[in-house]
Amino acid sequence: MTDEQICEVVVTAADSEWLAGFTRRLVEDRLAACGHQTAAIRSIYRWEGAVHDDPEARVALHTRASLVGRIVARADAEHPYDVPCVLALPVTGGNPAYLDWVLAMTDQPG
């Protein structure tokens, strides 16, 4: 990924309101152009030797690939989970005007 590439960063959390606040802070700080949140997902995973089946929320953030490290660092610092799910997925195409908007909204992050 180059600095100008766009990616989608997926973050999950147990509390949808916490996740909305986290997303708002990232957008305010220009680390993400936007976040599309799904308030109710079901997460099935293994943790500390047991299989869990829990409700969660999920957000898809649109940002520059070069900002993923800063988003991961913020999640590590602010997320209530010991190991938060933060996954960066490359965007290989899309509406050129939308992609330009994502770049403009993440220019010179705070």
PDB file of N, CA and C in Angstrom:
ATOM      1  N   MET A   1       0.836  -1.177   0.000  1.00  0.00           N
ATOM      2  CA  MET A   1       0.000   0.000   0.000  1.00  0.00           C
ATOM      3  C   MET A   1       0.884   1.244   0.000  1.00  0.00           C
ATOM      4  N   THR A   2       0.491   2.218  -0.795  1.00  0.00           N
ATOM      5  CA  THR A   2       1.203   3.489  -0.789  1.00  0.00           C
ATOM      6  C   THR A   2       0.435   4.501   0.054  1.00  0.00           C
ATOM      7  N   ASP A   3       1.058   5.645   0.304  1.00  0.00           N
ATOM      8  CA  ASP A   3       0.427   6.665   1.136  1.00  0.00           C
ATOM      9  C   ASP A   3      -0.902   7.143   0.574  1.00  0.00           C
ATOM     10  N   GLU A   4      -1.045   7.151  -0.734  1.00  0.00           N
ATOM     11  CA  GLU A   4      -2.262   7.668  -1.342  1.00  0.00           C
ATOM     12  C   GLU A   4      -3.334   6.599  -1.542  1.00  0.00           C
ATOM     13  N   GLN A   5      -3.065   5.369  -1.188  1.00  0.00           N
ATOM     14  CA  GLN A   5      -4.084   4.337  -1.329  1.00  0.00           C
ATOM     15  C   GLN A   5      -5.138   4.476  -0.247  1.00  0.00           C
ATOM     16  N   ILE A   6      -6.346   4.131  -0.616  1.00  0.00           N
ATOM     17  CA  ILE A   6      -7.476   4.143   0.304  1.00  0.00           C
ATOM     18  C   ILE A   6      -7.650   2.731   0.847  1.00  0.00           C
ATOM     19  N   CYS A   7      -8.058   2.640   2.100  1.00  0.00           N
ATOM     20  CA  CYS A   7      -8.392   1.341   2.658  1.00  0.00           C
ATOM     21  C   CYS A   7      -9.625   1.466   3.536  1.00  0.00           C
ATOM     22  N   GLU A   8     -10.203   0.327   3.831  1.00  0.00           N
ATOM     23  CA  GLU A   8     -11.308   0.250   4.772  1.00  0.00           C
ATOM     24  C   GLU A   8     -10.777  -0.431   6.019  1.00  0.00           C
ATOM     25  N   VAL A   9     -10.970   0.203   7.166  1.00  0.00           N
ATOM     26  CA  VAL A   9     -10.503  -0.342   8.429  1.00  0.00           C
ATOM     27  C   VAL A   9     -11.723  -0.774   9.229  1.00  0.00           C
ATOM     28  N   VAL A  10     -11.782  -2.053   9.555  1.00  0.00           N
ATOM     29  CA  VAL A  10     -12.880  -2.620  10.323  1.00  0.00           C
ATOM     30  C   VAL A  10     -12.481  -2.663  11.796  1.00  0.00           C
ATOM     31  N   VAL A  11     -13.371  -2.167  12.656  1.00  0.00           N
ATOM     32  CA  VAL A  11     -13.171  -2.212  14.110  1.00  0.00           C
ATOM     33  C   VAL A  11     -14.466  -2.727  14.714  1.00  0.00           C
ATOM     34  N   THR A  12     -14.348  -3.624  15.691  1.00  0.00           N
ATOM     35  CA  THR A  12     -15.527  -4.122  16.395  1.00  0.00           C
ATOM     36  C   THR A  12     -15.416  -3.773  17.882  1.00  0.00           C
ATOM     37  N   ALA A  13     -16.574  -3.745  18.549  1.00  0.00           N
ATOM     38  CA  ALA A  13     -16.614  -3.478  19.985  1.00  0.00           C
ATOM     39  C   ALA A  13     -17.946  -3.997  20.535  1.00  0.00           C
ATOM     40  N   ALA A  14     -17.969  -4.272  21.818  1.00  0.00           N
ATOM     41  CA  ALA A  14     -19.190  -4.762  22.462  1.00  0.00           C
ATOM     42  C   ALA A  14     -20.233  -3.656  22.608  1.00  0.00           C
ATOM     43  N   ASP A  15     -19.800  -2.431  22.768  1.00  0.00           N
ATOM     44  CA  ASP A  15     -20.692  -1.301  23.034  1.00  0.00           C
ATOM     45  C   ASP A  15     -20.784  -0.418  21.792  1.00  0.00           C
ATOM     46  N   SER A  16     -21.957  -0.395  21.141  1.00  0.00           N
ATOM     47  CA  SER A  16     -22.106   0.377  19.904  1.00  0.00           C
ATOM     48  C   SER A  16     -21.948   1.878  20.146  1.00  0.00           C
ATOM     49  N   GLU A  17     -22.346   2.373  21.311  1.00  0.00           N
ATOM     50  CA  GLU A  17     -22.186   3.802  21.603  1.00  0.00           C
ATOM     51  C   GLU A  17     -20.708   4.154  21.795  1.00  0.00           C
ATOM     52  N   TRP A  18     -19.954   3.280  22.456  1.00  0.00           N
ATOM     53  CA  TRP A  18     -18.514   3.514  22.579  1.00  0.00           C
ATOM     54  C   TRP A  18     -17.892   3.564  21.185  1.00  0.00           C
ATOM     55  N   LEU A  19     -18.291   2.619  20.324  1.00  0.00           N
ATOM     56  CA  LEU A  19     -17.723   2.552  18.977  1.00  0.00           C
ATOM     57  C   LEU A  19     -18.084   3.794  18.172  1.00  0.00           C
ATOM     58  N   ALA A  20     -19.292   4.304  18.328  1.00  0.00           N
ATOM     59  CA  ALA A  20     -19.692   5.534  17.636  1.00  0.00           C
ATOM     60  C   ALA A  20     -18.836   6.707  18.112  1.00  0.00           C
ATOM     61  N   GLY A  21     -18.581   6.788  19.408  1.00  0.00           N
ATOM     62  CA  GLY A  21     -17.734   7.858  19.933  1.00  0.00           C
ATOM     63  C   GLY A  21     -16.304   7.745  19.440  1.00  0.00           C
ATOM     64  N   PHE A  22     -15.788   6.527  19.396  1.00  0.00           N
ATOM     65  CA  PHE A  22     -14.438   6.286  18.891  1.00  0.00           C
ATOM     66  C   PHE A  22     -14.358   6.715  17.429  1.00  0.00           C
ATOM     67  N   THR A  23     -15.368   6.351  16.644  1.00  0.00           N
ATOM     68  CA  THR A  23     -15.414   6.730  15.231  1.00  0.00           C
ATOM     69  C   THR A  23     -15.457   8.244  15.091  1.00  0.00           C
ATOM     70  N   ARG A  24     -16.283   8.900  15.867  1.00  0.00           N
ATOM     71  CA  ARG A  24     -16.384  10.370  15.814  1.00  0.00           C
ATOM     72  C   ARG A  24     -15.029  11.009  16.105  1.00  0.00           C
ATOM     73  N   ARG A  25     -14.315  10.510  17.112  1.00  0.00           N
ATOM     74  CA  ARG A  25     -13.001  11.084  17.438  1.00  0.00           C
ATOM     75  C   ARG A  25     -12.018  10.908  16.284  1.00  0.00           C
ATOM     76  N   LEU A  26     -12.059   9.750  15.625  1.00  0.00           N
ATOM     77  CA  LEU A  26     -11.164   9.524  14.483  1.00  0.00           C
ATOM     78  C   LEU A  26     -11.492  10.469  13.331  1.00  0.00           C
ATOM     79  N   VAL A  27     -12.789  10.685  13.079  1.00  0.00           N
ATOM     80  CA  VAL A  27     -13.199  11.603  12.012  1.00  0.00           C
ATOM     81  C   VAL A  27     -12.830  13.041  12.385  1.00  0.00           C
ATOM     82  N   GLU A  28     -13.080  13.426  13.626  1.00  0.00           N
ATOM     83  CA  GLU A  28     -12.712  14.782  14.067  1.00  0.00           C
ATOM     84  C   GLU A  28     -11.222  15.037  13.923  1.00  0.00           C
ATOM     85  N   ASP A  29     -10.416  14.020  14.175  1.00  0.00           N
ATOM     86  CA  ASP A  29      -8.956  14.141  14.077  1.00  0.00           C
ATOM     87  C   ASP A  29      -8.426  13.871  12.674  1.00  0.00           C
ATOM     88  N   ARG A  30      -9.322  13.686  11.717  1.00  0.00           N
ATOM     89  CA  ARG A  30      -9.009  13.464  10.297  1.00  0.00           C
ATOM     90  C   ARG A  30      -8.220  12.175  10.054  1.00  0.00           C
ATOM     91  N   LEU A  31      -8.324  11.222  10.974  1.00  0.00           N
ATOM     92  CA  LEU A  31      -7.703   9.910  10.761  1.00  0.00           C
ATOM     93  C   LEU A  31      -8.594   9.022   9.904  1.00  0.00           C
ATOM     94  N   ALA A  32      -9.869   9.359   9.800  1.00  0.00           N
ATOM     95  CA  ALA A  32     -10.810   8.659   8.925  1.00  0.00           C
ATOM     96  C   ALA A  32     -11.740   9.697   8.320  1.00  0.00           C
ATOM     97  N   ALA A  33     -12.141   9.464   7.074  1.00  0.00           N
ATOM     98  CA  ALA A  33     -13.085  10.370   6.427  1.00  0.00           C
ATOM     99  C   ALA A  33     -14.491  10.133   6.944  1.00  0.00           C
ATOM    100  N   CYS A  34     -14.802   8.878   7.224  1.00  0.00           N
ATOM    101  CA  CYS A  34     -16.131   8.526   7.715  1.00  0.00           C
ATOM    102  C   CYS A  34     -16.079   7.119   8.302  1.00  0.00           C
ATOM    103  N   GLY A  35     -17.169   6.757   8.952  1.00  0.00           N
ATOM    104  CA  GLY A  35     -17.317   5.402   9.466  1.00  0.00           C
ATOM    105  C   GLY A  35     -18.749   4.950   9.270  1.00  0.00           C
ATOM    106  N   HIS A  36     -18.936   3.800   8.678  1.00  0.00           N
ATOM    107  CA  HIS A  36     -20.262   3.231   8.474  1.00  0.00           C
ATOM    108  C   HIS A  36     -20.449   2.125   9.516  1.00  0.00           C
ATOM    109  N   GLN A  37     -21.315   2.397  10.477  1.00  0.00           N
ATOM    110  CA  GLN A  37     -21.462   1.493  11.616  1.00  0.00           C
ATOM    111  C   GLN A  37     -22.682   0.594  11.472  1.00  0.00           C
ATOM    112  N   THR A  38     -22.474  -0.663  11.817  1.00  0.00           N
ATOM    113  CA  THR A  38     -23.550  -1.638  11.962  1.00  0.00           C
ATOM    114  C   THR A  38     -23.659  -1.907  13.454  1.00  0.00           C
ATOM    115  N   ALA A  39     -24.821  -1.584  14.019  1.00  0.00           N
ATOM    116  CA  ALA A  39     -24.968  -1.620  15.477  1.00  0.00           C
ATOM    117  C   ALA A  39     -25.085  -3.027  16.035  1.00  0.00           C
ATOM    118  N   ALA A  40     -25.543  -3.983  15.241  1.00  0.00           N
ATOM    119  CA  ALA A  40     -25.764  -5.327  15.786  1.00  0.00           C
ATOM    120  C   ALA A  40     -25.169  -6.386  14.861  1.00  0.00           C
ATOM    121  N   ILE A  41     -24.072  -6.976  15.328  1.00  0.00           N
ATOM    122  CA  ILE A  41     -23.505  -8.149  14.670  1.00  0.00           C
ATOM    123  C   ILE A  41     -23.338  -9.219  15.737  1.00  0.00           C
ATOM    124  N   ARG A  42     -23.070 -10.412  15.313  1.00  0.00           N
ATOM    125  CA  ARG A  42     -22.845 -11.524  16.235  1.00  0.00           C
ATOM    126  C   ARG A  42     -21.427 -12.018  16.018  1.00  0.00           C
ATOM    127  N   SER A  43     -20.668 -12.094  17.088  1.00  0.00           N
ATOM    128  CA  SER A  43     -19.271 -12.494  17.008  1.00  0.00           C
ATOM    129  C   SER A  43     -19.074 -13.825  17.732  1.00  0.00           C
ATOM    130  N   ILE A  44     -18.553 -14.793  17.010  1.00  0.00           N
ATOM    131  CA  ILE A  44     -18.252 -16.113  17.581  1.00  0.00           C
ATOM    132  C   ILE A  44     -16.743 -16.292  17.469  1.00  0.00           C
ATOM    133  N   TYR A  45     -16.090 -16.516  18.607  1.00  0.00           N
ATOM    134  CA  TYR A  45     -14.625 -16.525  18.630  1.00  0.00           C
ATOM    135  C   TYR A  45     -14.128 -17.343  19.824  1.00  0.00           C
ATOM    136  N   ARG A  46     -12.865 -17.722  19.741  1.00  0.00           N
ATOM    137  CA  ARG A  46     -12.222 -18.415  20.855  1.00  0.00           C
ATOM    138  C   ARG A  46     -11.359 -17.413  21.608  1.00  0.00           C
ATOM    139  N   TRP A  47     -11.509 -17.361  22.927  1.00  0.00           N
ATOM    140  CA  TRP A  47     -10.715 -16.459  23.755  1.00  0.00           C
ATOM    141  C   TRP A  47     -10.467 -17.130  25.093  1.00  0.00           C
ATOM    142  N   GLU A  48      -9.210 -17.173  25.487  1.00  0.00           N
ATOM    143  CA  GLU A  48      -8.782 -17.750  26.760  1.00  0.00           C
ATOM    144  C   GLU A  48      -9.356 -19.154  26.980  1.00  0.00           C
ATOM    145  N   GLY A  49      -9.282 -19.975  25.923  1.00  0.00           N
ATOM    146  CA  GLY A  49      -9.646 -21.384  26.017  1.00  0.00           C
ATOM    147  C   GLY A  49     -11.120 -21.706  25.892  1.00  0.00           C
ATOM    148  N   ALA A  50     -11.964 -20.711  25.680  1.00  0.00           N
ATOM    149  CA  ALA A  50     -13.403 -20.967  25.570  1.00  0.00           C
ATOM    150  C   ALA A  50     -13.948 -20.317  24.297  1.00  0.00           C
ATOM    151  N   VAL A  51     -14.987 -20.916  23.753  1.00  0.00           N
ATOM    152  CA  VAL A  51     -15.670 -20.333  22.601  1.00  0.00           C
ATOM    153  C   VAL A  51     -16.767 -19.407  23.119  1.00  0.00           C
ATOM    154  N   HIS A  52     -16.771 -18.196  22.603  1.00  0.00           N
ATOM    155  CA  HIS A  52     -17.740 -17.176  23.006  1.00  0.00           C
ATOM    156  C   HIS A  52     -18.671 -16.873  21.844  1.00  0.00           C
ATOM    157  N   ASP A  53     -19.875 -16.445  22.145  1.00  0.00           N
ATOM    158  CA  ASP A  53     -20.889 -16.065  21.161  1.00  0.00           C
ATOM    159  C   ASP A  53     -21.540 -14.802  21.721  1.00  0.00           C
ATOM    160  N   ASP A  54     -21.100 -13.636  21.216  1.00  0.00           N
ATOM    161  CA  ASP A  54     -21.480 -12.365  21.821  1.00  0.00           C
ATOM    162  C   ASP A  54     -21.990 -11.362  20.792  1.00  0.00           C
ATOM    163  N   PRO A  55     -22.888 -10.484  21.226  1.00  0.00           N
ATOM    164  CA  PRO A  55     -23.284  -9.374  20.356  1.00  0.00           C
ATOM    165  C   PRO A  55     -22.170  -8.327  20.325  1.00  0.00           C
ATOM    166  N   GLU A  56     -21.984  -7.731  19.173  1.00  0.00           N
ATOM    167  CA  GLU A  56     -21.001  -6.662  19.014  1.00  0.00           C
ATOM    168  C   GLU A  56     -21.530  -5.651  17.999  1.00  0.00           C
ATOM    169  N   ALA A  57     -20.814  -4.566  17.850  1.00  0.00           N
ATOM    170  CA  ALA A  57     -21.034  -3.580  16.797  1.00  0.00           C
ATOM    171  C   ALA A  57     -19.788  -3.569  15.925  1.00  0.00           C
ATOM    172  N   ARG A  58     -19.946  -3.081  14.696  1.00  0.00           N
ATOM    173  CA  ARG A  58     -18.845  -3.066  13.733  1.00  0.00           C
ATOM    174  C   ARG A  58     -18.878  -1.740  12.993  1.00  0.00           C
ATOM    175  N   VAL A  59     -17.705  -1.166  12.756  1.00  0.00           N
ATOM    176  CA  VAL A  59     -17.613   0.031  11.934  1.00  0.00           C
ATOM    177  C   VAL A  59     -16.610  -0.223  10.814  1.00  0.00           C
ATOM    178  N   ALA A  60     -16.931   0.311   9.639  1.00  0.00           N
ATOM    179  CA  ALA A  60     -16.030   0.292   8.491  1.00  0.00           C
ATOM    180  C   ALA A  60     -15.579   1.733   8.263  1.00  0.00           C
ATOM    181  N   LEU A  61     -14.326   2.001   8.566  1.00  0.00           N
ATOM    182  CA  LEU A  61     -13.757   3.335   8.409  1.00  0.00           C
ATOM    183  C   LEU A  61     -13.118   3.456   7.035  1.00  0.00           C
ATOM    184  N   HIS A  62     -13.276   4.597   6.401  1.00  0.00           N
ATOM    185  CA  HIS A  62     -12.616   4.846   5.125  1.00  0.00           C
ATOM    186  C   HIS A  62     -11.518   5.871   5.359  1.00  0.00           C
ATOM    187  N   THR A  63     -10.301   5.494   4.967  1.00  0.00           N
ATOM    188  CA  THR A  63      -9.131   6.301   5.296  1.00  0.00           C
ATOM    189  C   THR A  63      -7.997   6.031   4.317  1.00  0.00           C
ATOM    190  N   ARG A  64      -6.882   6.683   4.559  1.00  0.00           N
ATOM    191  CA  ARG A  64      -5.647   6.432   3.809  1.00  0.00           C
ATOM    192  C   ARG A  64      -4.916   5.239   4.436  1.00  0.00           C
ATOM    193  N   ALA A  65      -4.277   4.449   3.622  1.00  0.00           N
ATOM    194  CA  ALA A  65      -3.491   3.324   4.129  1.00  0.00           C
ATOM    195  C   ALA A  65      -2.384   3.806   5.063  1.00  0.00           C
ATOM    196  N   SER A  66      -1.865   4.980   4.804  1.00  0.00           N
ATOM    197  CA  SER A  66      -0.770   5.510   5.622  1.00  0.00           C
ATOM    198  C   SER A  66      -1.210   5.860   7.044  1.00  0.00           C
ATOM    199  N   LEU A  67      -2.513   5.933   7.299  1.00  0.00           N
ATOM    200  CA  LEU A  67      -3.013   6.280   8.634  1.00  0.00           C
ATOM    201  C   LEU A  67      -3.411   5.064   9.461  1.00  0.00           C
ATOM    202  N   VAL A  68      -3.314   3.879   8.888  1.00  0.00           N
ATOM    203  CA  VAL A  68      -3.732   2.663   9.601  1.00  0.00           C
ATOM    204  C   VAL A  68      -2.959   2.498  10.906  1.00  0.00           C
ATOM    205  N   GLY A  69      -1.680   2.720  10.891  1.00  0.00           N
ATOM    206  CA  GLY A  69      -0.881   2.569  12.108  1.00  0.00           C
ATOM    207  C   GLY A  69      -1.357   3.477  13.227  1.00  0.00           C
ATOM    208  N   ARG A  70      -1.745   4.680  12.891  1.00  0.00           N
ATOM    209  CA  ARG A  70      -2.253   5.614  13.909  1.00  0.00           C
ATOM    210  C   ARG A  70      -3.612   5.158  14.440  1.00  0.00           C
ATOM    211  N   ILE A  71      -4.443   4.590  13.579  1.00  0.00           N
ATOM    212  CA  ILE A  71      -5.740   4.080  14.030  1.00  0.00           C
ATOM    213  C   ILE A  71      -5.539   2.884  14.944  1.00  0.00           C
ATOM    214  N   VAL A  72      -4.624   1.997  14.592  1.00  0.00           N
ATOM    215  CA  VAL A  72      -4.322   0.843  15.446  1.00  0.00           C
ATOM    216  C   VAL A  72      -3.813   1.323  16.809  1.00  0.00           C
ATOM    217  N   ALA A  73      -2.931   2.301  16.803  1.00  0.00           N
ATOM    218  CA  ALA A  73      -2.403   2.830  18.072  1.00  0.00           C
ATOM    219  C   ALA A  73      -3.518   3.429  18.923  1.00  0.00           C
ATOM    220  N   ARG A  74      -4.437   4.151  18.305  1.00  0.00           N
ATOM    221  CA  ARG A  74      -5.563   4.727  19.056  1.00  0.00           C
ATOM    222  C   ARG A  74      -6.446   3.625  19.623  1.00  0.00           C
ATOM    223  N   ALA A  75      -6.705   2.589  18.819  1.00  0.00           N
ATOM    224  CA  ALA A  75      -7.513   1.471  19.315  1.00  0.00           C
ATOM    225  C   ALA A  75      -6.807   0.786  20.481  1.00  0.00           C
ATOM    226  N   ASP A  76      -5.515   0.567  20.368  1.00  0.00           N
ATOM    227  CA  ASP A  76      -4.766  -0.055  21.467  1.00  0.00           C
ATOM    228  C   ASP A  76      -4.852   0.784  22.743  1.00  0.00           C
ATOM    229  N   ALA A  77      -4.844   2.103  22.595  1.00  0.00           N
ATOM    230  CA  ALA A  77      -4.870   2.992  23.759  1.00  0.00           C
ATOM    231  C   ALA A  77      -6.270   3.180  24.344  1.00  0.00           C
ATOM    232  N   GLU A  78      -7.312   3.193  23.497  1.00  0.00           N
ATOM    233  CA  GLU A  78      -8.641   3.584  23.943  1.00  0.00           C
ATOM    234  C   GLU A  78      -9.661   2.447  24.030  1.00  0.00           C
ATOM    235  N   HIS A  79      -9.446   1.383  23.298  1.00  0.00           N
ATOM    236  CA  HIS A  79     -10.446   0.313  23.208  1.00  0.00           C
ATOM    237  C   HIS A  79     -10.531  -0.466  24.517  1.00  0.00           C
ATOM    238  N   PRO A  80     -11.741  -0.848  24.937  1.00  0.00           N
ATOM    239  CA  PRO A  80     -11.875  -1.611  26.177  1.00  0.00           C
ATOM    240  C   PRO A  80     -11.360  -3.058  26.089  1.00  0.00           C
ATOM    241  N   TYR A  81     -11.199  -3.599  24.897  1.00  0.00           N
ATOM    242  CA  TYR A  81     -10.706  -4.972  24.752  1.00  0.00           C
ATOM    243  C   TYR A  81      -9.194  -5.032  24.952  1.00  0.00           C
ATOM    244  N   ASP A  82      -8.718  -6.170  25.443  1.00  0.00           N
ATOM    245  CA  ASP A  82      -7.271  -6.402  25.534  1.00  0.00           C
ATOM    246  C   ASP A  82      -6.645  -6.472  24.149  1.00  0.00           C
ATOM    247  N   VAL A  83      -7.347  -7.119  23.216  1.00  0.00           N
ATOM    248  CA  VAL A  83      -6.872  -7.285  21.840  1.00  0.00           C
ATOM    249  C   VAL A  83      -8.007  -6.875  20.900  1.00  0.00           C
ATOM    250  N   PRO A  84      -8.111  -5.583  20.582  1.00  0.00           N
ATOM    251  CA  PRO A  84      -9.205  -5.156  19.715  1.00  0.00           C
ATOM    252  C   PRO A  84      -9.034  -5.636  18.279  1.00  0.00           C
ATOM    253  N   CYS A  85     -10.165  -5.943  17.654  1.00  0.00           N
ATOM    254  CA  CYS A  85     -10.170  -6.287  16.230  1.00  0.00           C
ATOM    255  C   CYS A  85     -10.016  -4.997  15.437  1.00  0.00           C
ATOM    256  N   VAL A  86      -8.921  -4.880  14.717  1.00  0.00           N
ATOM    257  CA  VAL A  86      -8.689  -3.771  13.793  1.00  0.00           C
ATOM    258  C   VAL A  86      -8.062  -4.391  12.551  1.00  0.00           C
ATOM    259  N   LEU A  87      -8.800  -4.383  11.450  1.00  0.00           N
ATOM    260  CA  LEU A  87      -8.326  -4.985  10.207  1.00  0.00           C
ATOM    261  C   LEU A  87      -8.366  -3.962   9.084  1.00  0.00           C
ATOM    262  N   ALA A  88      -7.285  -3.827   8.342  1.00  0.00           N
ATOM    263  CA  ALA A  88      -7.240  -2.918   7.200  1.00  0.00           C
ATOM    264  C   ALA A  88      -7.366  -3.721   5.913  1.00  0.00           C
ATOM    265  N   LEU A  89      -8.338  -3.339   5.103  1.00  0.00           N
ATOM    266  CA  LEU A  89      -8.612  -4.020   3.839  1.00  0.00           C
ATOM    267  C   LEU A  89      -8.354  -3.049   2.694  1.00  0.00           C
ATOM    268  N   PRO A  90      -7.566  -3.427   1.698  1.00  0.00           N
ATOM    269  CA  PRO A  90      -7.284  -2.501   0.603  1.00  0.00           C
ATOM    270  C   PRO A  90      -8.526  -2.249  -0.249  1.00  0.00           C
ATOM    271  N   VAL A  91      -8.653  -1.025  -0.708  1.00  0.00           N
ATOM    272  CA  VAL A  91      -9.703  -0.666  -1.664  1.00  0.00           C
ATOM    273  C   VAL A  91      -9.048  -0.647  -3.035  1.00  0.00           C
ATOM    274  N   THR A  92      -9.560  -1.440  -3.943  1.00  0.00           N
ATOM    275  CA  THR A  92      -8.927  -1.566  -5.255  1.00  0.00           C
ATOM    276  C   THR A  92      -9.616  -0.728  -6.329  1.00  0.00           C
ATOM    277  N   GLY A  93     -10.707  -0.076  -5.980  1.00  0.00           N
ATOM    278  CA  GLY A  93     -11.408   0.769  -6.939  1.00  0.00           C
ATOM    279  C   GLY A  93     -12.624   1.384  -6.296  1.00  0.00           C
ATOM    280  N   GLY A  94     -13.327   2.178  -7.072  1.00  0.00           N
ATOM    281  CA  GLY A  94     -14.537   2.810  -6.578  1.00  0.00           C
ATOM    282  C   GLY A  94     -14.823   4.090  -7.329  1.00  0.00           C
ATOM    283  N   ASN A  95     -15.794   4.826  -6.850  1.00  0.00           N
ATOM    284  CA  ASN A  95     -16.166   6.106  -7.438  1.00  0.00           C
ATOM    285  C   ASN A  95     -15.000   7.083  -7.258  1.00  0.00           C
ATOM    286  N   PRO A  96     -14.393   7.533  -8.341  1.00  0.00           N
ATOM    287  CA  PRO A  96     -13.240   8.422  -8.215  1.00  0.00           C
ATOM    288  C   PRO A  96     -13.525   9.667  -7.373  1.00  0.00           C
ATOM    289  N   ALA A  97     -14.705  10.220  -7.480  1.00  0.00           N
ATOM    290  CA  ALA A  97     -15.050  11.408  -6.695  1.00  0.00           C
ATOM    291  C   ALA A  97     -15.090  11.075  -5.210  1.00  0.00           C
ATOM    292  N   TYR A  98     -15.609   9.893  -4.861  1.00  0.00           N
ATOM    293  CA  TYR A  98     -15.646   9.478  -3.455  1.00  0.00           C
ATOM    294  C   TYR A  98     -14.233   9.242  -2.935  1.00  0.00           C
ATOM    295  N   LEU A  99     -13.401   8.573  -3.719  1.00  0.00           N
ATOM    296  CA  LEU A  99     -12.024   8.318  -3.300  1.00  0.00           C
ATOM    297  C   LEU A  99     -11.259   9.622  -3.110  1.00  0.00           C
ATOM    298  N   ASP A 100     -11.489  10.605  -3.988  1.00  0.00           N
ATOM    299  CA  ASP A 100     -10.870  11.921  -3.823  1.00  0.00           C
ATOM    300  C   ASP A 100     -11.348  12.584  -2.532  1.00  0.00           C
ATOM    301  N   TRP A 101     -12.645  12.431  -2.222  1.00  0.00           N
ATOM    302  CA  TRP A 101     -13.193  12.996  -0.994  1.00  0.00           C
ATOM    303  C   TRP A 101     -12.527  12.379   0.232  1.00  0.00           C
ATOM    304  N   VAL A 102     -12.336  11.051   0.229  1.00  0.00           N
ATOM    305  CA  VAL A 102     -11.666  10.383   1.362  1.00  0.00           C
ATOM    306  C   VAL A 102     -10.270  10.964   1.541  1.00  0.00           C
ATOM    307  N   LEU A 103      -9.551  11.138   0.454  1.00  0.00           N
ATOM    308  CA  LEU A 103      -8.209  11.727   0.560  1.00  0.00           C
ATOM    309  C   LEU A 103      -8.265  13.152   1.097  1.00  0.00           C
ATOM    310  N   ALA A 104      -9.228  13.942   0.629  1.00  0.00           N
ATOM    311  CA  ALA A 104      -9.340  15.327   1.091  1.00  0.00           C
ATOM    312  C   ALA A 104      -9.694  15.398   2.573  1.00  0.00           C
ATOM    313  N   MET A 105     -10.547  14.505   3.039  1.00  0.00           N
ATOM    314  CA  MET A 105     -10.981  14.530   4.439  1.00  0.00           C
ATOM    315  C   MET A 105      -9.930  13.999   5.407  1.00  0.00           C
ATOM    316  N   THR A 106      -8.929  13.310   4.895  1.00  0.00           N
ATOM    317  CA  THR A 106      -7.868  12.772   5.737  1.00  0.00           C
ATOM    318  C   THR A 106      -6.536  13.477   5.482  1.00  0.00           C
ATOM    319  N   ASP A 107      -6.581  14.616   4.820  1.00  0.00           N
ATOM    320  CA  ASP A 107      -5.383  15.396   4.556  1.00  0.00           C
ATOM    321  C   ASP A 107      -4.973  16.129   5.823  1.00  0.00           C
ATOM    322  N   GLN A 108      -3.737  16.042   6.177  1.00  0.00           N
ATOM    323  CA  GLN A 108      -3.163  16.714   7.352  1.00  0.00           C
ATOM    324  C   GLN A 108      -3.913  16.363   8.637  1.00  0.00           C
ATOM    325  N   PRO A 109      -3.920  15.077   9.008  1.00  0.00           N
ATOM    326  CA  PRO A 109      -4.617  14.691  10.235  1.00  0.00           C
ATOM    327  C   PRO A 109      -3.968  15.329  11.461  1.00  0.00           C
ATOM    328  N   GLY A 110      -4.819  15.529  12.477  1.00  0.00           N
ATOM    329  CA  GLY A 110      -4.339  16.145  13.721  1.00  0.00           C
ATOM    330  C   GLY A 110      -3.628  15.190  14.628  1.00  0.00           C
TER     331      GLY A 110
END
